């Protein structure tokens, strides 16, 4: 199930023109999640739209009730989907928090 959801999420982000979509494998390295998906929108409005698209795609898969965190600012939205945590950033916030660098030790998969 995780692999199929990962594909749905990354394909949805790609279709929504997300920038720099990175998947970081965490399986076996921590208990938080198996994957982090990190992507940027080109504006806060784009970040919010990407989050809505991901939630809509998950609903089509029968996964409902997922609530994003941080949507009030539209600069950084987190969506926790079971073993996958999706981080959607504005370009400035992504650069500031630099989660890609923080989690560089696990293998990084680029889409």
Protein backbone atom coordinates (compact mmCIF):
# COMPACT_ATOMS: atom_id res chain seq x y z
CA UNK A 1 0.00 0.00 0.00
CA UNK A 2 2.79 2.45 0.87
CA UNK A 3 4.45 2.05 -2.52
CA UNK A 4 1.18 2.64 -4.38
CA UNK A 5 0.40 5.73 -2.27
CA UNK A 6 3.90 7.07 -2.83
CA UNK A 7 3.33 6.80 -6.58
CA UNK A 8 -0.06 8.53 -6.35
CA UNK A 9 1.43 11.36 -4.29
CA UNK A 10 4.52 11.95 -6.46
CA UNK A 11 2.56 11.70 -9.72
CA UNK A 12 -0.04 14.14 -8.38
CA UNK A 13 2.68 16.59 -7.40
CA UNK A 14 4.37 16.24 -10.79
CA UNK A 15 1.02 16.77 -12.53
CA UNK A 16 0.46 19.87 -10.42
CA UNK A 17 3.82 21.28 -11.58
CA UNK A 18 5.48 21.00 -8.16
CA UNK A 19 9.16 21.85 -8.23
CA UNK A 20 12.06 19.74 -6.96
CA UNK A 21 10.06 16.70 -5.88
CA UNK A 22 12.32 14.57 -3.70
CA UNK A 23 11.51 11.33 -1.96
CA UNK A 24 13.71 10.40 0.97
CA UNK A 25 13.67 6.80 2.13
CA UNK A 26 13.50 6.45 5.89
CA UNK A 27 12.37 2.81 6.16
CA UNK A 28 14.35 1.05 8.87
CA UNK A 29 16.08 4.28 9.89
CA UNK A 30 13.42 5.75 12.18
CA UNK A 31 9.91 5.15 13.47
CA UNK A 32 8.39 8.37 12.12
CA UNK A 33 7.72 7.25 8.55
CA UNK A 34 9.02 5.14 5.69
CA UNK A 35 9.24 8.09 3.28
CA UNK A 36 9.42 11.86 3.27
CA UNK A 37 8.22 13.57 0.12
CA UNK A 38 9.47 17.13 -0.18
CA UNK A 39 8.31 19.48 -2.92
CA UNK A 40 8.01 23.19 -3.62
CA UNK A 41 5.32 25.32 -5.13
CA UNK A 42 6.32 28.47 -6.95
CA UNK A 43 4.19 30.60 -4.58
CA UNK A 44 2.16 30.20 -1.41
CA UNK A 45 -0.99 29.89 -3.55
CA UNK A 46 0.64 27.07 -5.54
CA UNK A 47 1.63 25.28 -2.30
CA UNK A 48 -1.99 25.39 -1.14
CA UNK A 49 -3.22 24.12 -4.52
CA UNK A 50 -0.73 21.23 -4.44
CA UNK A 51 -1.96 20.23 -0.99
CA UNK A 52 -5.56 20.21 -2.22
CA UNK A 53 -4.57 18.13 -5.25
CA UNK A 54 -2.80 15.55 -3.06
CA UNK A 55 -5.80 15.33 -0.72
CA UNK A 56 -8.17 14.93 -3.70
CA UNK A 57 -5.97 12.19 -5.19
CA UNK A 58 -5.91 10.36 -1.85
CA UNK A 59 -9.70 10.63 -1.60
CA UNK A 60 -9.97 8.98 -5.02
CA UNK A 61 -7.95 6.10 -3.55
CA UNK A 62 -10.50 5.82 -0.73
CA UNK A 63 -8.30 7.58 1.82
CA UNK A 64 -10.29 10.27 3.55
CA UNK A 65 -9.98 12.21 6.77
CA UNK A 66 -6.35 13.23 6.22
CA UNK A 67 -5.89 16.74 7.62
CA UNK A 68 -2.98 18.89 6.48
CA UNK A 69 -1.06 20.96 9.02
CA UNK A 70 0.16 24.50 8.44
CA UNK A 71 -2.34 25.47 5.76
CA UNK A 72 -3.12 28.80 7.36
CA UNK A 73 0.22 30.21 6.23
CA UNK A 74 0.43 28.42 2.85
CA UNK A 75 4.23 28.60 3.19
CA UNK A 76 4.73 25.08 4.56
CA UNK A 77 2.06 22.42 4.57
CA UNK A 78 2.58 18.94 6.02
CA UNK A 79 0.37 16.00 5.09
CA UNK A 80 0.83 12.83 7.14
CA UNK A 81 -0.33 9.84 5.08
CA UNK A 82 0.36 6.78 7.21
CA UNK A 83 4.00 5.87 6.43
CA UNK A 84 4.53 8.86 4.13
CA UNK A 85 4.97 12.45 5.29
CA UNK A 86 4.57 15.07 2.58
CA UNK A 87 6.19 18.49 3.06
CA UNK A 88 5.08 21.21 0.63
CA UNK A 89 7.03 24.46 0.80
CA UNK A 90 7.19 27.88 -0.72
CA UNK A 91 10.68 28.32 -2.19
CA UNK A 92 11.78 30.60 0.67
CA UNK A 93 10.61 28.24 3.42
CA UNK A 94 12.18 25.22 1.74
CA UNK A 95 15.51 26.98 1.57
CA UNK A 96 15.20 28.15 5.18
CA UNK A 97 14.38 24.74 6.70
CA UNK A 98 16.44 22.72 4.19
CA UNK A 99 14.91 19.34 5.07
CA UNK A 100 16.55 17.85 1.99
CA UNK A 101 19.97 18.51 3.52
CA UNK A 102 18.88 17.47 7.00
CA UNK A 103 17.81 14.05 5.76
CA UNK A 104 20.53 13.61 3.10
CA UNK A 105 22.00 10.55 4.80
CA UNK A 106 19.20 8.22 3.60
CA UNK A 107 19.06 7.63 -0.15
CA UNK A 108 17.41 10.51 -2.02
CA UNK A 109 15.13 9.60 -4.93
CA UNK A 110 14.42 12.40 -7.41
CA UNK A 111 11.27 12.42 -9.56
